[in-house]
Amino acid sequence: MGKALLEIMGFANDRERIRAIQSVLESAQVEVDFFHGYGPTVGCPRCGAGLAAIEGWNQMDYKRGDTYAGARCNECGWDDGGEV
């Protein structure tokens, strides 16, 4: 993150920003999970379902030798991911 943006946000450096984000997550009791191929999530970006409705997936393309992974919502069918 650029220095100017950090200063605009009121942080002296990235470590201050990270500590502030962690503090918000803890005080708000936000549960975060990480899904390979998609990244961190607190729930479905389409329907807003919580983490209980989100599951990780992975798939191998044996012909190309590539592995793909991601996350999907069991409530609305949202699905996203990529090569890992």
C-alpha atoms as a PDB file:
ATOM      1  CA  MET A   1       0.000   0.000   0.000  1.00  0.00           C
ATOM      2  CA  GLY A   2       1.364   3.435  -0.888  1.00  0.00           C
ATOM      3  CA  LYS A   3       2.667   5.762   1.796  1.00  0.00           C
ATOM      4  CA  ALA A   4       0.273   8.566   0.812  1.00  0.00           C
ATOM      5  CA  LEU A   5      -2.732   6.263   1.118  1.00  0.00           C
ATOM      6  CA  LEU A   6      -1.544   5.029   4.523  1.00  0.00           C
ATOM      7  CA  GLU A   7      -1.220   8.629   5.712  1.00  0.00           C
ATOM      8  CA  ILE A   8      -4.685   9.523   4.386  1.00  0.00           C
ATOM      9  CA  MET A   9      -6.085   6.538   6.293  1.00  0.00           C
ATOM     10  CA  GLY A  10      -4.227   7.715   9.407  1.00  0.00           C
ATOM     11  CA  PHE A  11      -1.603   4.995   9.593  1.00  0.00           C
ATOM     12  CA  ALA A  12       2.144   5.549   9.824  1.00  0.00           C
ATOM     13  CA  ASN A  13       2.907   2.210   8.155  1.00  0.00           C
ATOM     14  CA  ASP A  14       1.465  -1.154   7.057  1.00  0.00           C
ATOM     15  CA  ARG A  15       1.953  -2.668  10.512  1.00  0.00           C
ATOM     16  CA  GLU A  16      -0.362  -0.058  12.078  1.00  0.00           C
ATOM     17  CA  ARG A  17      -2.959  -0.740   9.376  1.00  0.00           C
ATOM     18  CA  ILE A  18      -2.745  -4.510   9.955  1.00  0.00           C
ATOM     19  CA  ARG A  19      -3.083  -4.098  13.728  1.00  0.00           C
ATOM     20  CA  ALA A  20      -6.138  -1.866  13.213  1.00  0.00           C
ATOM     21  CA  ILE A  21      -7.780  -4.389  10.893  1.00  0.00           C
ATOM     22  CA  GLN A  22      -7.085  -7.220  13.350  1.00  0.00           C
ATOM     23  CA  SER A  23      -8.551  -5.153  16.179  1.00  0.00           C
ATOM     24  CA  VAL A  24     -11.751  -4.520  14.211  1.00  0.00           C
ATOM     25  CA  LEU A  25     -12.073  -8.214  13.373  1.00  0.00           C
ATOM     26  CA  GLU A  26     -11.642  -9.183  17.022  1.00  0.00           C
ATOM     27  CA  SER A  27     -13.953  -6.538  18.475  1.00  0.00           C
ATOM     28  CA  ALA A  28     -16.660  -7.214  15.891  1.00  0.00           C
ATOM     29  CA  GLN A  29     -16.180 -10.959  16.388  1.00  0.00           C
ATOM     30  CA  VAL A  30     -15.889 -11.431  12.637  1.00  0.00           C
ATOM     31  CA  GLU A  31     -14.955 -14.970  11.655  1.00  0.00           C
ATOM     32  CA  VAL A  32     -12.696 -15.184   8.616  1.00  0.00           C
ATOM     33  CA  ASP A  33     -11.756 -18.305   6.679  1.00  0.00           C
ATOM     34  CA  PHE A  34      -9.255 -18.753   3.861  1.00  0.00           C
ATOM     35  CA  PHE A  35     -10.009 -20.777   0.748  1.00  0.00           C
ATOM     36  CA  HIS A  36      -7.117 -21.665  -1.558  1.00  0.00           C
ATOM     37  CA  GLY A  37      -7.777 -20.307  -5.030  1.00  0.00           C
ATOM     38  CA  TYR A  38     -10.152 -17.625  -3.720  1.00  0.00           C
ATOM     39  CA  GLY A  39      -8.693 -16.101  -0.555  1.00  0.00           C
ATOM     40  CA  PRO A  40     -10.080 -14.807   2.739  1.00  0.00           C
ATOM     41  CA  THR A  41     -13.828 -14.545   3.171  1.00  0.00           C
ATOM     42  CA  VAL A  42     -16.383 -13.822   5.871  1.00  0.00           C
ATOM     43  CA  GLY A  43     -19.304 -15.150   3.839  1.00  0.00           C
ATOM     44  CA  CYS A  44     -20.898 -15.265   0.428  1.00  0.00           C
ATOM     45  CA  PRO A  45     -20.331 -12.062  -1.576  1.00  0.00           C
ATOM     46  CA  ARG A  46     -23.534 -12.681  -3.557  1.00  0.00           C
ATOM     47  CA  CYS A  47     -26.207 -13.622  -0.988  1.00  0.00           C
ATOM     48  CA  GLY A  48     -24.532 -12.801   2.333  1.00  0.00           C
ATOM     49  CA  ALA A  49     -24.718 -16.325   3.758  1.00  0.00           C
ATOM     50  CA  GLY A  50     -22.266 -16.980   6.593  1.00  0.00           C
ATOM     51  CA  LEU A  51     -19.235 -19.223   6.556  1.00  0.00           C
ATOM     52  CA  ALA A  52     -21.341 -22.283   7.415  1.00  0.00           C
ATOM     53  CA  ALA A  53     -22.743 -22.128   3.863  1.00  0.00           C
ATOM     54  CA  ILE A  54     -19.336 -21.759   2.184  1.00  0.00           C
ATOM     55  CA  GLU A  55     -17.258 -24.757   1.218  1.00  0.00           C
ATOM     56  CA  GLY A  56     -13.902 -25.059  -0.432  1.00  0.00           C
ATOM     57  CA  TRP A  57     -13.370 -27.080  -3.576  1.00  0.00           C
ATOM     58  CA  ASN A  58     -10.432 -28.265  -5.646  1.00  0.00           C
ATOM     59  CA  GLN A  59     -10.144 -29.930  -9.000  1.00  0.00           C
ATOM     60  CA  MET A  60      -7.251 -31.336 -10.985  1.00  0.00           C
ATOM     61  CA  ASP A  61      -6.941 -30.921 -14.745  1.00  0.00           C
ATOM     62  CA  TYR A  62      -4.955 -34.083 -15.402  1.00  0.00           C
ATOM     63  CA  LYS A  63      -4.518 -33.318 -19.092  1.00  0.00           C
ATOM     64  CA  ARG A  64      -2.780 -29.991 -18.386  1.00  0.00           C
ATOM     65  CA  GLY A  65      -1.367 -30.889 -14.975  1.00  0.00           C
ATOM     66  CA  ASP A  66      -3.017 -27.859 -13.338  1.00  0.00           C
ATOM     67  CA  THR A  67      -4.838 -27.730 -10.020  1.00  0.00           C
ATOM     68  CA  TYR A  68      -7.732 -25.358  -9.419  1.00  0.00           C
ATOM     69  CA  ALA A  69      -9.399 -24.466  -6.127  1.00  0.00           C
ATOM     70  CA  GLY A  70     -11.895 -22.013  -4.740  1.00  0.00           C
ATOM     71  CA  ALA A  71     -15.017 -21.542  -2.684  1.00  0.00           C
ATOM     72  CA  ARG A  72     -18.727 -21.989  -3.331  1.00  0.00           C
ATOM     73  CA  CYS A  73     -21.933 -21.074  -1.547  1.00  0.00           C
ATOM     74  CA  ASN A  74     -24.338 -23.924  -0.860  1.00  0.00           C
ATOM     75  CA  GLU A  75     -27.259 -21.479  -0.563  1.00  0.00           C
ATOM     76  CA  CYS A  76     -27.136 -19.444  -3.783  1.00  0.00           C
ATOM     77  CA  GLY A  77     -24.617 -21.353  -5.905  1.00  0.00           C
ATOM     78  CA  TRP A  78     -22.003 -18.585  -6.072  1.00  0.00           C
ATOM     79  CA  ASP A  79     -18.629 -20.057  -7.052  1.00  0.00           C
ATOM     80  CA  ASP A  80     -15.207 -18.503  -7.579  1.00  0.00           C
ATOM     81  CA  GLY A  81     -11.608 -19.648  -7.646  1.00  0.00           C
ATOM     82  CA  GLY A  82      -8.593 -20.130  -9.814  1.00  0.00           C
ATOM     83  CA  GLU A  83      -5.385 -22.002 -10.478  1.00  0.00           C
ATOM     84  CA  VAL A  84      -3.294 -22.833  -7.420  1.00  0.00           C
END
